[in-house]
Amino acid sequence: MNLLLVIIAIIAVVLLVTGGFVQSLNFLLWVGIVLAIIAIIVFLARVITGRRSL
């Protein structure tokens, strides 16, 4: 439970620090979402096909 509180505190501090840079971070947020979707698609392709060479 203490670990969860520490993680929440760190996330809160990071959000407070980066709050002023919302306009520039908005673009990076979308880039991160796109990269996460691509990673999920590649992971699912590896799991479904059973191949490890992707």
N, C-alpha and C. Protein backbone atom coordinates (compact mmCIF):
# COMPACT_ATOMS: atom_id res chain seq x y z
N MET A 1 0.82 -1.19 0.00
CA MET A 1 0.00 0.00 0.00
C MET A 1 0.86 1.25 0.00
N ASN A 2 1.99 1.22 0.74
CA ASN A 2 2.89 2.37 0.77
C ASN A 2 3.52 2.61 -0.59
N LEU A 3 3.82 1.54 -1.31
CA LEU A 3 4.40 1.68 -2.64
C LEU A 3 3.43 2.39 -3.57
N LEU A 4 2.16 2.08 -3.46
CA LEU A 4 1.15 2.73 -4.28
C LEU A 4 1.10 4.23 -3.98
N LEU A 5 1.18 4.60 -2.71
CA LEU A 5 1.17 6.02 -2.34
C LEU A 5 2.40 6.75 -2.87
N VAL A 6 3.55 6.09 -2.85
CA VAL A 6 4.77 6.69 -3.38
C VAL A 6 4.65 6.91 -4.88
N ILE A 7 4.12 5.93 -5.59
CA ILE A 7 3.95 6.05 -7.03
C ILE A 7 2.98 7.17 -7.36
N ILE A 8 1.88 7.27 -6.62
CA ILE A 8 0.91 8.35 -6.85
C ILE A 8 1.54 9.71 -6.58
N ALA A 9 2.36 9.81 -5.53
CA ALA A 9 3.02 11.07 -5.20
C ALA A 9 4.00 11.47 -6.31
N ILE A 10 4.74 10.52 -6.84
CA ILE A 10 5.69 10.82 -7.91
C ILE A 10 4.95 11.28 -9.16
N ILE A 11 3.86 10.60 -9.49
CA ILE A 11 3.08 11.00 -10.65
C ILE A 11 2.51 12.40 -10.46
N ALA A 12 2.05 12.71 -9.25
CA ALA A 12 1.50 14.04 -8.98
C ALA A 12 2.57 15.11 -9.15
N VAL A 13 3.77 14.86 -8.66
CA VAL A 13 4.86 15.83 -8.80
C VAL A 13 5.22 16.03 -10.27
N VAL A 14 5.30 14.94 -11.01
CA VAL A 14 5.62 15.04 -12.43
C VAL A 14 4.55 15.84 -13.16
N LEU A 15 3.28 15.59 -12.85
CA LEU A 15 2.21 16.34 -13.49
C LEU A 15 2.25 17.81 -13.12
N LEU A 16 2.61 18.13 -11.88
CA LEU A 16 2.72 19.53 -11.49
C LEU A 16 3.86 20.23 -12.21
N VAL A 17 4.98 19.53 -12.36
CA VAL A 17 6.14 20.13 -13.03
C VAL A 17 5.85 20.34 -14.51
N THR A 18 5.20 19.38 -15.13
CA THR A 18 4.97 19.46 -16.57
C THR A 18 3.68 20.18 -16.92
N GLY A 19 2.94 20.64 -15.93
CA GLY A 19 1.66 21.31 -16.20
C GLY A 19 1.80 22.55 -17.05
N GLY A 20 2.92 23.25 -16.95
CA GLY A 20 3.14 24.46 -17.73
C GLY A 20 3.46 24.20 -19.19
N PHE A 21 3.79 23.00 -19.51
CA PHE A 21 4.21 22.67 -20.87
C PHE A 21 3.14 21.85 -21.60
N VAL A 22 1.89 22.10 -21.32
CA VAL A 22 0.81 21.27 -21.84
C VAL A 22 0.76 21.32 -23.37
N GLN A 23 0.95 22.49 -23.94
CA GLN A 23 0.86 22.61 -25.39
C GLN A 23 1.90 21.75 -26.09
N SER A 24 3.14 21.81 -25.61
CA SER A 24 4.19 21.02 -26.25
C SER A 24 4.05 19.53 -25.92
N LEU A 25 3.56 19.23 -24.72
CA LEU A 25 3.42 17.83 -24.33
C LEU A 25 2.22 17.17 -24.99
N ASN A 26 1.27 17.97 -25.45
CA ASN A 26 0.10 17.40 -26.12
C ASN A 26 0.53 16.61 -27.35
N PHE A 27 1.46 17.16 -28.12
CA PHE A 27 1.97 16.46 -29.29
C PHE A 27 2.68 15.16 -28.88
N LEU A 28 3.51 15.25 -27.84
CA LEU A 28 4.24 14.06 -27.39
C LEU A 28 3.29 13.01 -26.84
N LEU A 29 2.19 13.44 -26.24
CA LEU A 29 1.19 12.51 -25.74
C LEU A 29 0.61 11.70 -26.89
N TRP A 30 0.26 12.38 -27.98
CA TRP A 30 -0.29 11.67 -29.14
C TRP A 30 0.74 10.74 -29.77
N VAL A 31 1.99 11.16 -29.81
CA VAL A 31 3.04 10.29 -30.34
C VAL A 31 3.17 9.05 -29.46
N GLY A 32 3.11 9.23 -28.15
CA GLY A 32 3.19 8.09 -27.23
C GLY A 32 2.02 7.13 -27.41
N ILE A 33 0.82 7.68 -27.60
CA ILE A 33 -0.36 6.83 -27.81
C ILE A 33 -0.21 6.02 -29.09
N VAL A 34 0.25 6.66 -30.15
CA VAL A 34 0.43 5.94 -31.42
C VAL A 34 1.48 4.84 -31.28
N LEU A 35 2.59 5.14 -30.61
CA LEU A 35 3.62 4.13 -30.42
C LEU A 35 3.12 2.98 -29.55
N ALA A 36 2.30 3.28 -28.55
CA ALA A 36 1.74 2.22 -27.71
C ALA A 36 0.81 1.32 -28.51
N ILE A 37 0.01 1.91 -29.38
CA ILE A 37 -0.90 1.12 -30.22
C ILE A 37 -0.10 0.22 -31.16
N ILE A 38 0.96 0.76 -31.74
CA ILE A 38 1.81 -0.05 -32.62
C ILE A 38 2.44 -1.20 -31.84
N ALA A 39 2.91 -0.93 -30.61
CA ALA A 39 3.52 -1.98 -29.79
C ALA A 39 2.50 -3.07 -29.44
N ILE A 40 1.26 -2.67 -29.15
CA ILE A 40 0.22 -3.65 -28.84
C ILE A 40 -0.09 -4.52 -30.06
N ILE A 41 -0.15 -3.90 -31.24
CA ILE A 41 -0.42 -4.66 -32.45
C ILE A 41 0.69 -5.67 -32.72
N VAL A 42 1.94 -5.25 -32.55
CA VAL A 42 3.07 -6.16 -32.78
C VAL A 42 3.04 -7.29 -31.75
N PHE A 43 2.75 -6.96 -30.49
CA PHE A 43 2.67 -7.99 -29.45
C PHE A 43 1.56 -9.00 -29.76
N LEU A 44 0.39 -8.51 -30.15
CA LEU A 44 -0.71 -9.42 -30.48
C LEU A 44 -0.38 -10.28 -31.70
N ALA A 45 0.32 -9.71 -32.67
CA ALA A 45 0.72 -10.49 -33.84
C ALA A 45 1.67 -11.62 -33.43
N ARG A 46 2.58 -11.32 -32.49
CA ARG A 46 3.51 -12.36 -32.02
C ARG A 46 2.78 -13.44 -31.25
N VAL A 47 1.80 -13.06 -30.44
CA VAL A 47 1.08 -14.03 -29.63
C VAL A 47 0.18 -14.90 -30.50
N ILE A 48 -0.52 -14.28 -31.43
CA ILE A 48 -1.48 -15.01 -32.27
C ILE A 48 -0.76 -15.97 -33.21
N THR A 49 0.30 -15.50 -33.87
CA THR A 49 0.97 -16.34 -34.85
C THR A 49 1.92 -17.33 -34.19
N GLY A 50 2.37 -17.02 -32.97
CA GLY A 50 3.29 -17.92 -32.29
C GLY A 50 4.73 -17.78 -32.76
N ARG A 51 4.98 -16.86 -33.67
CA ARG A 51 6.33 -16.65 -34.15
C ARG A 51 7.06 -15.68 -33.25
N ARG A 52 8.36 -15.88 -33.09
CA ARG A 52 9.17 -14.99 -32.27
C ARG A 52 10.08 -14.11 -33.14
N SER A 53 9.93 -14.17 -34.46
CA SER A 53 10.85 -13.46 -35.34
C SER A 53 10.34 -12.08 -35.72
N LEU A 54 9.18 -11.66 -35.23
CA LEU A 54 8.68 -10.34 -35.60
C LEU A 54 9.43 -9.24 -34.89
